[in-house]
Amino acid sequence: MPCVVAVTIPYTAITIVFIVLATGVGAFIRRRSRDKCLRDFEQNMVTLEDTAGKTIWGRLRVENTGLEFVYPQKQRDEDGHDEASYILYKHEYGNIGAVIRFHDELSEGNKKKREKQLEKTYHPGVGRRLKRKLVNVFKTVRDSVAEVVNLLMSQAKKATPAGRVLGSQDKYVSQMKQELMGSVGTSYEPLLERYIGRKVVLEMIKGDKIFEYCGVLKEYTADFIEIMDVDYSAEEKKPTRKADMAVPRKRGVVRHLGE
């Protein structure tokens, strides 16, 4: 009986440690894994266009689980309900046509902040360029590292006494690896990387048509492309206005260098 207790307690303790680690790592990373393109528009007045033609206008709040558009004032719907905001959950991102930030709707403070962003994009400092290169190196090798880690874990399970422990904690080990490998929101794209800060032509699908917009490529992630200084109109026959846009990559592609 004492032998059974001696074996059971360590395994229970190890399981608890793995659960705590998996939960802690996951919570820490998820809190910071907000899309960089969308995050650039946070606390700005923006317009959301969805694929069905619906538009939402409000101050953007970005979380890792979705977006909230806070209305300047409450609105009453057809059923008589007062609404103060619109929430779009992450699993609904497939419905996004574009998130647009019109320049004439920005506050003076946000205009200045935007100008600084554009200046840094056009003329990045040494530190900014170095940081981007280091991050890109990490993104390039992370898949290879993941393969090596998986191989080492497999060998450890087969060849070491600790293998039984690792094997029994597969669920939590896999969860931590998934959180860590998925924490980098940007998918490295060599074709786009060289054009950061330069004018490009974006092809964007709207309904059954393709439109072209010329602007400065500010950023890209695995899900979005961010273009600044675009002449944009929500409707074809209406006058264009200067705007910045975050477009889902499945609906917009950088097709040409614009310089």
Protein backbone atom coordinates (compact mmCIF):
# COMPACT_ATOMS: atom_id res chain seq x y z
CA MET A 1 0.00 0.00 0.00
CA PRO A 2 2.75 2.56 0.82
CA CYS A 3 4.38 1.83 -2.55
CA VAL A 4 1.15 2.65 -4.36
CA VAL A 5 0.84 5.94 -2.50
CA ALA A 6 4.47 6.82 -3.25
CA VAL A 7 3.90 6.37 -6.98
CA THR A 8 0.48 8.04 -7.16
CA ILE A 9 1.33 11.28 -5.38
CA PRO A 10 4.19 12.39 -7.70
CA TYR A 11 2.10 11.73 -10.81
CA THR A 12 -0.78 13.71 -9.34
CA ALA A 13 1.54 16.57 -8.45
CA ILE A 14 3.09 16.56 -11.93
CA THR A 15 -0.35 16.63 -13.54
CA ILE A 16 -1.33 19.64 -11.41
CA VAL A 17 1.90 21.44 -12.38
CA PHE A 18 1.25 20.83 -16.10
CA ILE A 19 -2.34 22.06 -15.77
CA VAL A 20 -1.19 25.26 -14.01
CA LEU A 21 1.56 25.85 -16.59
CA ALA A 22 -0.74 25.23 -19.55
CA THR A 23 -3.41 27.54 -18.12
CA GLY A 24 -0.93 30.28 -17.17
CA VAL A 25 0.95 30.25 -20.46
CA GLY A 26 -2.29 30.19 -22.42
CA ALA A 27 -3.82 33.12 -20.51
CA PHE A 28 -0.63 35.21 -20.76
CA ILE A 29 -0.22 34.67 -24.52
CA ARG A 30 -3.88 35.00 -25.48
CA ARG A 31 -4.05 38.35 -23.72
CA ARG A 32 -1.29 39.66 -26.00
CA SER A 33 -2.18 37.89 -29.22
CA ARG A 34 -4.19 40.68 -30.81
CA ASP A 35 -3.89 41.22 -34.55
CA LYS A 36 -1.32 43.98 -35.22
CA CYS A 37 -3.22 45.47 -38.17
CA LEU A 38 -6.44 45.80 -36.20
CA ARG A 39 -4.58 46.98 -33.11
CA ASP A 40 -3.26 50.00 -35.06
CA PHE A 41 -6.85 51.25 -35.33
CA GLU A 42 -7.71 50.81 -31.66
CA GLN A 43 -9.53 53.73 -30.00
CA ASN A 44 -10.10 55.35 -33.42
CA MET A 45 -13.47 55.94 -35.05
CA VAL A 46 -13.69 53.30 -37.77
CA THR A 47 -16.21 51.84 -40.21
CA LEU A 48 -16.72 48.10 -40.44
CA GLU A 49 -17.96 46.81 -43.80
CA ASP A 50 -19.11 43.21 -43.82
CA THR A 51 -19.50 40.91 -46.78
CA ALA A 52 -23.29 41.31 -46.76
CA GLY A 53 -23.04 45.08 -47.27
CA LYS A 54 -23.78 46.03 -43.67
CA THR A 55 -21.77 48.88 -42.12
CA ILE A 56 -21.02 49.56 -38.47
CA TRP A 57 -19.46 52.80 -37.23
CA GLY A 58 -17.88 53.32 -33.82
CA ARG A 59 -14.77 53.60 -31.69
CA LEU A 60 -12.79 50.39 -32.06
CA ARG A 61 -11.81 48.22 -29.12
CA VAL A 62 -9.59 45.23 -29.93
CA GLU A 63 -9.37 42.08 -27.82
CA ASN A 64 -7.89 38.69 -28.62
CA THR A 65 -11.42 37.24 -28.76
CA GLY A 66 -12.92 39.83 -31.11
CA LEU A 67 -13.76 43.47 -31.78
CA GLU A 68 -16.15 45.95 -30.22
CA PHE A 69 -17.39 49.08 -32.00
CA VAL A 70 -18.57 51.59 -29.39
CA TYR A 71 -21.20 54.01 -30.71
CA PRO A 72 -20.79 57.76 -30.04
CA GLN A 73 -24.33 57.66 -28.66
CA LYS A 74 -26.94 55.02 -28.02
CA GLN A 75 -29.03 53.82 -30.94
CA ARG A 76 -32.51 52.35 -30.82
CA ASP A 77 -33.22 49.34 -33.04
CA GLU A 78 -36.49 48.40 -34.74
CA ASP A 79 -37.62 46.48 -31.66
CA GLY A 80 -37.11 49.50 -29.40
CA HIS A 81 -33.91 48.27 -27.73
CA ASP A 82 -31.18 50.77 -26.88
CA GLU A 83 -27.77 49.67 -28.21
CA ALA A 84 -24.44 51.21 -27.20
CA SER A 85 -22.00 49.03 -29.15
CA TYR A 86 -21.60 46.22 -31.67
CA ILE A 87 -19.51 43.12 -30.88
CA LEU A 88 -17.89 41.00 -33.58
CA TYR A 89 -16.43 37.74 -32.28
CA LYS A 90 -13.22 36.27 -33.66
CA HIS A 91 -14.99 33.32 -35.27
CA GLU A 92 -16.99 35.90 -37.28
CA TYR A 93 -13.90 37.52 -38.85
CA GLY A 94 -14.74 35.68 -42.06
CA ASN A 95 -17.63 38.14 -42.48
CA ILE A 96 -15.33 41.20 -42.51
CA GLY A 97 -15.05 42.99 -45.83
CA ALA A 98 -12.78 45.76 -44.52
CA VAL A 99 -12.14 47.94 -41.48
CA ILE A 100 -11.76 51.56 -42.62
CA ARG A 101 -10.37 54.54 -40.72
CA PHE A 102 -11.34 57.78 -42.47
CA HIS A 103 -8.93 60.62 -41.75
CA ASP A 104 -11.63 63.29 -41.40
CA GLU A 105 -13.23 61.32 -38.55
CA LEU A 106 -10.12 61.24 -36.37
CA SER A 107 -9.62 63.41 -33.30
CA GLU A 108 -6.64 65.78 -33.30
CA GLY A 109 -4.77 63.49 -30.93
CA ASN A 110 -5.37 60.42 -33.08
CA LYS A 111 -4.38 62.34 -36.21
CA LYS A 112 -1.01 63.14 -34.66
CA LYS A 113 -0.55 59.55 -33.53
CA ARG A 114 -1.38 58.33 -37.02
CA GLU A 115 1.12 60.74 -38.60
CA LYS A 116 3.83 59.37 -36.33
CA GLN A 117 2.93 55.82 -37.37
CA LEU A 118 3.15 56.80 -41.04
CA GLU A 119 6.47 58.59 -40.57
CA LYS A 120 7.97 55.54 -38.82
CA THR A 121 6.69 53.34 -41.63
CA TYR A 122 8.19 55.59 -44.32
CA HIS A 123 11.44 56.25 -42.46
CA PRO A 124 12.05 53.47 -39.91
CA GLY A 125 14.89 54.00 -37.45
CA VAL A 126 17.79 51.62 -36.95
CA GLY A 127 16.18 50.07 -33.87
CA ARG A 128 12.86 49.52 -35.64
CA ARG A 129 14.54 47.89 -38.66
CA LEU A 130 16.68 45.66 -36.44
CA LYS A 131 13.68 44.59 -34.35
CA ARG A 132 11.72 43.68 -37.47
CA LYS A 133 14.60 41.66 -38.87
CA LEU A 134 15.00 39.74 -35.62
CA VAL A 135 11.28 39.01 -35.43
CA ASN A 136 11.29 37.83 -39.05
CA VAL A 137 14.23 35.52 -38.33
CA PHE A 138 12.25 34.02 -35.47
CA LYS A 139 9.20 33.52 -37.67
CA THR A 140 11.32 31.87 -40.35
CA VAL A 141 12.83 29.28 -38.02
CA ARG A 142 9.94 28.67 -35.63
CA ASP A 143 8.40 25.89 -37.73
CA SER A 144 11.76 24.09 -37.87
CA VAL A 145 12.16 24.52 -34.13
CA ALA A 146 8.71 23.04 -33.58
CA GLU A 147 9.67 19.99 -35.63
CA VAL A 148 12.88 19.55 -33.61
CA VAL A 149 11.00 19.88 -30.31
CA ASN A 150 8.46 17.29 -31.44
CA LEU A 151 11.28 14.92 -32.43
CA LEU A 152 13.10 15.37 -29.10
CA MET A 153 9.87 14.85 -27.16
CA SER A 154 9.18 11.63 -29.08
CA GLN A 155 12.69 10.34 -28.41
CA ALA A 156 12.47 11.28 -24.73
CA LYS A 157 9.25 9.33 -24.34
CA LYS A 158 10.89 6.22 -25.78
CA ALA A 159 14.38 6.38 -24.30
CA THR A 160 14.20 7.96 -20.83
CA PRO A 161 12.55 7.04 -17.51
CA ALA A 162 10.77 10.41 -17.67
CA GLY A 163 9.12 9.30 -20.88
CA ARG A 164 6.15 7.83 -19.02
CA VAL A 165 5.59 11.16 -17.26
CA LEU A 166 5.75 13.13 -20.52
CA GLY A 167 3.47 10.64 -22.20
CA SER A 168 0.86 10.97 -19.47
CA GLN A 169 0.90 14.76 -19.87
CA ASP A 170 0.55 14.83 -23.68
CA LYS A 171 -2.62 16.90 -23.55
CA TYR A 172 -1.03 19.74 -21.56
CA VAL A 173 2.32 19.66 -23.39
CA SER A 174 0.50 19.92 -26.72
CA GLN A 175 -1.63 22.77 -25.41
CA MET A 176 1.43 24.79 -24.34
CA LYS A 177 3.20 24.16 -27.66
CA GLN A 178 0.13 25.25 -29.58
CA GLU A 179 -0.20 28.46 -27.56
CA LEU A 180 3.49 29.32 -27.97
CA MET A 181 3.65 28.57 -31.71
CA GLY A 182 0.40 30.40 -32.38
CA SER A 183 1.32 33.47 -30.35
CA VAL A 184 3.04 35.25 -33.24
CA GLY A 185 0.22 36.89 -35.14
CA THR A 186 2.29 37.71 -38.19
CA SER A 187 3.00 35.17 -40.87
CA TYR A 188 6.31 36.06 -42.53
CA GLU A 189 5.85 36.84 -46.22
CA PRO A 190 9.07 37.69 -48.15
CA LEU A 191 7.11 39.09 -51.11
CA LEU A 192 5.39 41.65 -48.86
CA GLU A 193 8.21 42.33 -46.42
CA ARG A 194 10.36 44.27 -48.90
CA TYR A 195 7.44 46.62 -49.67
CA ILE A 196 6.68 47.71 -46.10
CA GLY A 197 6.62 51.53 -46.14
CA ARG A 198 6.25 51.74 -49.92
CA LYS A 199 3.28 52.50 -52.16
CA VAL A 200 1.54 49.41 -53.46
CA VAL A 201 -1.65 48.57 -55.34
CA LEU A 202 -4.14 46.44 -53.42
CA GLU A 203 -6.72 44.33 -55.24
CA MET A 204 -9.82 43.99 -53.08
CA ILE A 205 -12.86 41.80 -53.67
CA LYS A 206 -16.21 43.49 -53.01
CA GLY A 207 -19.20 41.40 -53.94
CA ASP A 208 -18.61 40.08 -57.43
CA LYS A 209 -16.18 42.87 -58.40
CA ILE A 210 -12.48 43.56 -57.88
CA PHE A 211 -11.34 47.09 -57.00
CA GLU A 212 -7.82 48.51 -56.90
CA TYR A 213 -6.57 50.88 -54.21
CA CYS A 214 -3.18 52.57 -54.08
CA GLY A 215 -1.65 53.25 -50.68
CA VAL A 216 1.29 52.69 -48.35
CA LEU A 217 1.77 49.15 -47.06
CA LYS A 218 1.93 49.62 -43.30
CA GLU A 219 1.74 46.05 -41.96
CA TYR A 220 0.52 42.55 -42.64
CA THR A 221 -0.39 39.59 -40.47
CA ALA A 222 -1.57 36.05 -41.13
CA ASP A 223 -5.14 37.39 -41.47
CA PHE A 224 -5.00 41.06 -42.52
CA ILE A 225 -3.19 43.60 -44.71
CA GLU A 226 -2.99 47.22 -43.53
CA ILE A 227 -2.82 49.98 -46.16
CA MET A 228 -2.52 53.72 -45.38
CA ASP A 229 -3.39 56.85 -47.39
CA VAL A 230 -5.99 55.25 -49.65
CA ASP A 231 -8.64 57.15 -51.62
CA TYR A 232 -11.72 55.16 -50.63
CA SER A 233 -15.46 55.33 -51.08
CA ALA A 234 -17.96 52.87 -49.65
CA GLU A 235 -20.06 53.28 -52.79
CA GLU A 236 -18.81 53.57 -56.36
CA LYS A 237 -20.62 56.80 -57.25
CA LYS A 238 -19.81 58.67 -54.04
CA PRO A 239 -16.72 60.92 -53.67
CA THR A 240 -13.62 59.25 -52.25
CA ARG A 241 -12.10 60.18 -48.89
CA LYS A 242 -8.62 59.63 -47.52
CA ALA A 243 -8.54 56.55 -45.34
CA ASP A 244 -6.47 53.72 -43.89
CA MET A 245 -7.72 50.15 -44.27
CA ALA A 246 -7.30 46.72 -42.73
CA VAL A 247 -8.43 44.13 -45.29
CA PRO A 248 -8.68 40.36 -44.75
CA ARG A 249 -6.00 38.61 -46.78
CA LYS A 250 -8.56 36.30 -48.35
CA ARG A 251 -10.32 39.38 -49.77
CA GLY A 252 -7.35 41.58 -50.59
CA VAL A 253 -3.91 41.00 -52.12
CA VAL A 254 -1.00 43.31 -52.87
CA ARG A 255 -0.76 42.96 -56.64
CA HIS A 256 1.65 45.70 -57.75
CA LEU A 257 4.37 47.97 -56.45
CA GLY A 258 2.94 51.47 -56.84
CA GLU A 259 6.19 53.45 -57.11
